[in-house]
């Protein structure tokens, strides 16, 4: 199981919508939308070190919900 798939599965379990995509520089961007408590839980899970692959760090950026996202996809 890859990191994007794992992040997607955790987000769906938390009732979040959004995406996980590979960036050109090798990083993965995870965008999640939903209740703040669920987003904070996802951030906590991403920081555990129990994820597939090698995660060196997690940077968070909060913004207003876009409300046009449906589901959670791997890009």
N, C-alpha and C. Protein backbone atom coordinates (compact mmCIF):
# COMPACT_ATOMS: atom_id res chain seq x y z
N UNK A 1 0.86 -1.17 0.00
CA UNK A 1 0.00 0.00 0.00
C UNK A 1 0.90 1.23 0.00
N UNK A 2 0.65 2.18 -0.91
CA UNK A 2 1.45 3.39 -1.00
C UNK A 2 0.93 4.49 -0.09
N UNK A 3 1.73 5.51 0.04
CA UNK A 3 1.39 6.61 0.94
C UNK A 3 0.10 7.32 0.52
N UNK A 4 -0.05 7.62 -0.77
CA UNK A 4 -1.27 8.32 -1.21
C UNK A 4 -2.51 7.49 -0.93
N UNK A 5 -2.44 6.18 -1.20
CA UNK A 5 -3.58 5.31 -0.95
C UNK A 5 -3.88 5.28 0.55
N UNK A 6 -2.83 5.18 1.37
CA UNK A 6 -2.99 5.14 2.82
C UNK A 6 -3.64 6.44 3.32
N UNK A 7 -3.13 7.60 2.83
CA UNK A 7 -3.69 8.89 3.24
C UNK A 7 -5.16 8.99 2.83
N UNK A 8 -5.47 8.52 1.64
CA UNK A 8 -6.86 8.53 1.15
C UNK A 8 -7.75 7.69 2.05
N UNK A 9 -7.29 6.49 2.40
CA UNK A 9 -8.08 5.59 3.25
C UNK A 9 -8.34 6.22 4.61
N UNK A 10 -7.33 6.84 5.22
CA UNK A 10 -7.51 7.48 6.53
C UNK A 10 -8.47 8.66 6.42
N UNK A 11 -8.34 9.46 5.35
CA UNK A 11 -9.22 10.61 5.17
C UNK A 11 -10.67 10.17 5.01
N UNK A 12 -10.90 9.13 4.21
CA UNK A 12 -12.26 8.63 4.02
C UNK A 12 -12.84 8.11 5.33
N UNK A 13 -12.02 7.43 6.13
CA UNK A 13 -12.48 6.94 7.44
C UNK A 13 -12.94 8.10 8.33
N UNK A 14 -12.31 9.26 8.15
CA UNK A 14 -12.63 10.44 8.95
C UNK A 14 -13.73 11.29 8.32
N UNK A 15 -14.26 10.85 7.17
CA UNK A 15 -15.33 11.58 6.51
C UNK A 15 -14.88 12.83 5.78
N UNK A 16 -13.60 12.87 5.39
CA UNK A 16 -13.04 14.02 4.70
C UNK A 16 -13.11 13.85 3.19
N UNK A 17 -13.06 14.95 2.48
CA UNK A 17 -12.96 14.95 1.02
C UNK A 17 -11.66 15.66 0.65
N UNK A 18 -11.17 15.41 -0.56
CA UNK A 18 -9.94 16.07 -1.00
C UNK A 18 -9.14 15.20 -1.93
N UNK A 19 -7.80 15.33 -1.85
CA UNK A 19 -6.94 14.54 -2.71
C UNK A 19 -5.54 14.40 -2.11
N UNK A 20 -4.81 13.44 -2.65
CA UNK A 20 -3.39 13.24 -2.35
C UNK A 20 -2.70 13.10 -3.70
N UNK A 21 -1.70 13.94 -3.96
CA UNK A 21 -1.04 13.90 -5.26
C UNK A 21 0.47 14.05 -5.12
N UNK A 22 1.19 13.42 -6.05
CA UNK A 22 2.64 13.55 -6.10
C UNK A 22 3.00 14.89 -6.71
N UNK A 23 3.99 15.56 -6.14
CA UNK A 23 4.50 16.79 -6.70
C UNK A 23 5.78 16.49 -7.47
N UNK A 24 6.16 17.37 -8.37
CA UNK A 24 7.32 17.15 -9.24
C UNK A 24 8.62 16.96 -8.46
N UNK A 25 8.70 17.56 -7.27
CA UNK A 25 9.94 17.46 -6.49
C UNK A 25 9.99 16.25 -5.56
N UNK A 26 9.01 15.35 -5.67
CA UNK A 26 9.01 14.13 -4.87
C UNK A 26 8.15 14.20 -3.61
N UNK A 27 7.69 15.39 -3.26
CA UNK A 27 6.80 15.51 -2.10
C UNK A 27 5.39 15.06 -2.48
N UNK A 28 4.58 14.83 -1.47
CA UNK A 28 3.16 14.49 -1.67
C UNK A 28 2.33 15.59 -1.04
N UNK A 29 1.36 16.08 -1.79
CA UNK A 29 0.43 17.09 -1.28
C UNK A 29 -0.87 16.39 -0.92
N UNK A 30 -1.32 16.60 0.31
CA UNK A 30 -2.61 16.08 0.76
C UNK A 30 -3.49 17.27 1.06
N UNK A 31 -4.62 17.36 0.39
CA UNK A 31 -5.60 18.42 0.63
C UNK A 31 -6.84 17.74 1.17
N UNK A 32 -7.26 18.15 2.36
CA UNK A 32 -8.42 17.53 3.00
C UNK A 32 -9.39 18.62 3.44
N UNK A 33 -10.67 18.34 3.27
CA UNK A 33 -11.71 19.29 3.65
C UNK A 33 -12.76 18.56 4.46
N UNK A 34 -13.18 19.19 5.54
CA UNK A 34 -14.20 18.61 6.41
C UNK A 34 -14.12 19.27 7.77
N UNK A 35 -14.73 18.66 8.77
CA UNK A 35 -14.69 19.25 10.11
C UNK A 35 -13.25 19.39 10.60
N UNK A 36 -12.97 20.51 11.28
CA UNK A 36 -11.60 20.78 11.74
C UNK A 36 -11.06 19.63 12.59
N UNK A 37 -11.87 19.08 13.47
CA UNK A 37 -11.43 17.98 14.33
C UNK A 37 -10.95 16.79 13.49
N UNK A 38 -11.66 16.49 12.41
CA UNK A 38 -11.26 15.38 11.54
C UNK A 38 -9.98 15.70 10.79
N UNK A 39 -9.84 16.95 10.36
CA UNK A 39 -8.60 17.36 9.67
C UNK A 39 -7.41 17.28 10.63
N UNK A 40 -7.61 17.69 11.88
CA UNK A 40 -6.54 17.61 12.87
C UNK A 40 -6.16 16.16 13.15
N UNK A 41 -7.14 15.27 13.17
CA UNK A 41 -6.87 13.85 13.37
C UNK A 41 -6.05 13.30 12.20
N UNK A 42 -6.40 13.69 10.97
CA UNK A 42 -5.62 13.24 9.81
C UNK A 42 -4.19 13.75 9.91
N UNK A 43 -3.99 15.00 10.28
CA UNK A 43 -2.63 15.53 10.46
C UNK A 43 -1.87 14.71 11.49
N UNK A 44 -2.53 14.37 12.58
CA UNK A 44 -1.90 13.56 13.61
C UNK A 44 -1.47 12.20 13.06
N UNK A 45 -2.34 11.58 12.29
CA UNK A 45 -2.02 10.28 11.69
C UNK A 45 -0.85 10.39 10.71
N UNK A 46 -0.81 11.48 9.93
CA UNK A 46 0.28 11.67 8.97
C UNK A 46 1.62 11.86 9.67
N UNK A 47 1.59 12.34 10.90
CA UNK A 47 2.81 12.61 11.66
C UNK A 47 3.28 11.44 12.51
N UNK A 48 2.54 10.34 12.56
CA UNK A 48 2.87 9.24 13.47
C UNK A 48 4.14 8.49 13.11
N UNK A 49 4.51 8.49 11.84
CA UNK A 49 5.64 7.68 11.41
C UNK A 49 5.21 6.27 11.05
N UNK A 50 3.91 5.96 11.24
CA UNK A 50 3.38 4.64 10.91
C UNK A 50 2.76 4.63 9.52
N UNK A 51 3.21 5.51 8.66
CA UNK A 51 2.69 5.59 7.30
C UNK A 51 3.57 4.79 6.36
N UNK A 52 3.04 4.35 5.23
CA UNK A 52 3.89 3.70 4.24
C UNK A 52 4.84 4.73 3.63
N UNK A 53 5.99 4.31 3.23
CA UNK A 53 6.95 5.22 2.63
C UNK A 53 7.71 5.99 3.70
N UNK A 54 8.51 6.94 3.26
CA UNK A 54 9.35 7.73 4.16
C UNK A 54 8.81 9.15 4.23
N UNK A 55 8.38 9.57 5.41
CA UNK A 55 7.86 10.91 5.61
C UNK A 55 8.86 11.68 6.47
N UNK A 56 9.43 12.74 5.89
CA UNK A 56 10.40 13.54 6.63
C UNK A 56 9.75 14.65 7.43
N UNK A 57 8.59 15.08 7.01
CA UNK A 57 7.91 16.15 7.73
C UNK A 57 6.55 16.41 7.14
N UNK A 58 5.71 17.01 7.95
CA UNK A 58 4.36 17.37 7.53
C UNK A 58 4.19 18.87 7.79
N UNK A 59 3.86 19.60 6.75
CA UNK A 59 3.61 21.03 6.86
C UNK A 59 2.12 21.25 6.67
N UNK A 60 1.53 21.99 7.57
CA UNK A 60 0.09 22.24 7.45
C UNK A 60 -0.17 23.68 7.05
N UNK A 61 -1.25 23.84 6.28
CA UNK A 61 -1.70 25.17 5.85
C UNK A 61 -3.23 25.13 5.87
N UNK A 62 -3.83 26.01 6.61
CA UNK A 62 -5.29 26.04 6.75
C UNK A 62 -5.87 27.14 5.88
N UNK A 63 -7.04 26.88 5.31
CA UNK A 63 -7.75 27.88 4.52
C UNK A 63 -9.25 27.61 4.64
N UNK A 64 -10.03 28.52 4.13
CA UNK A 64 -11.48 28.33 4.13
C UNK A 64 -11.84 27.17 3.21
N UNK A 65 -12.88 26.45 3.57
CA UNK A 65 -13.34 25.33 2.76
C UNK A 65 -13.81 25.81 1.40
N UNK A 66 -13.51 25.05 0.36
CA UNK A 66 -13.93 25.38 -1.00
C UNK A 66 -15.33 24.84 -1.29
N UNK A 67 -15.70 23.76 -0.63
CA UNK A 67 -17.02 23.12 -0.73
C UNK A 67 -17.38 22.60 -2.11
N UNK A 68 -16.42 22.51 -3.01
CA UNK A 68 -16.71 21.97 -4.33
C UNK A 68 -16.05 20.63 -4.56
N UNK A 69 -15.48 20.07 -3.50
CA UNK A 69 -14.76 18.81 -3.61
C UNK A 69 -15.69 17.67 -3.24
N UNK A 70 -15.64 16.59 -4.02
CA UNK A 70 -16.45 15.41 -3.72
C UNK A 70 -15.52 14.21 -3.64
N UNK A 71 -15.63 13.43 -2.58
CA UNK A 71 -14.81 12.24 -2.44
C UNK A 71 -13.38 12.57 -2.07
N UNK A 72 -12.53 11.57 -2.10
CA UNK A 72 -11.11 11.74 -1.82
C UNK A 72 -10.37 10.90 -2.84
N UNK A 73 -9.53 11.51 -3.65
CA UNK A 73 -8.89 10.80 -4.77
C UNK A 73 -7.38 10.86 -4.67
N UNK A 74 -6.75 9.90 -5.34
CA UNK A 74 -5.30 9.92 -5.54
C UNK A 74 -5.07 10.57 -6.88
N UNK A 75 -4.15 11.48 -6.94
CA UNK A 75 -3.82 12.13 -8.22
C UNK A 75 -2.44 11.74 -8.66
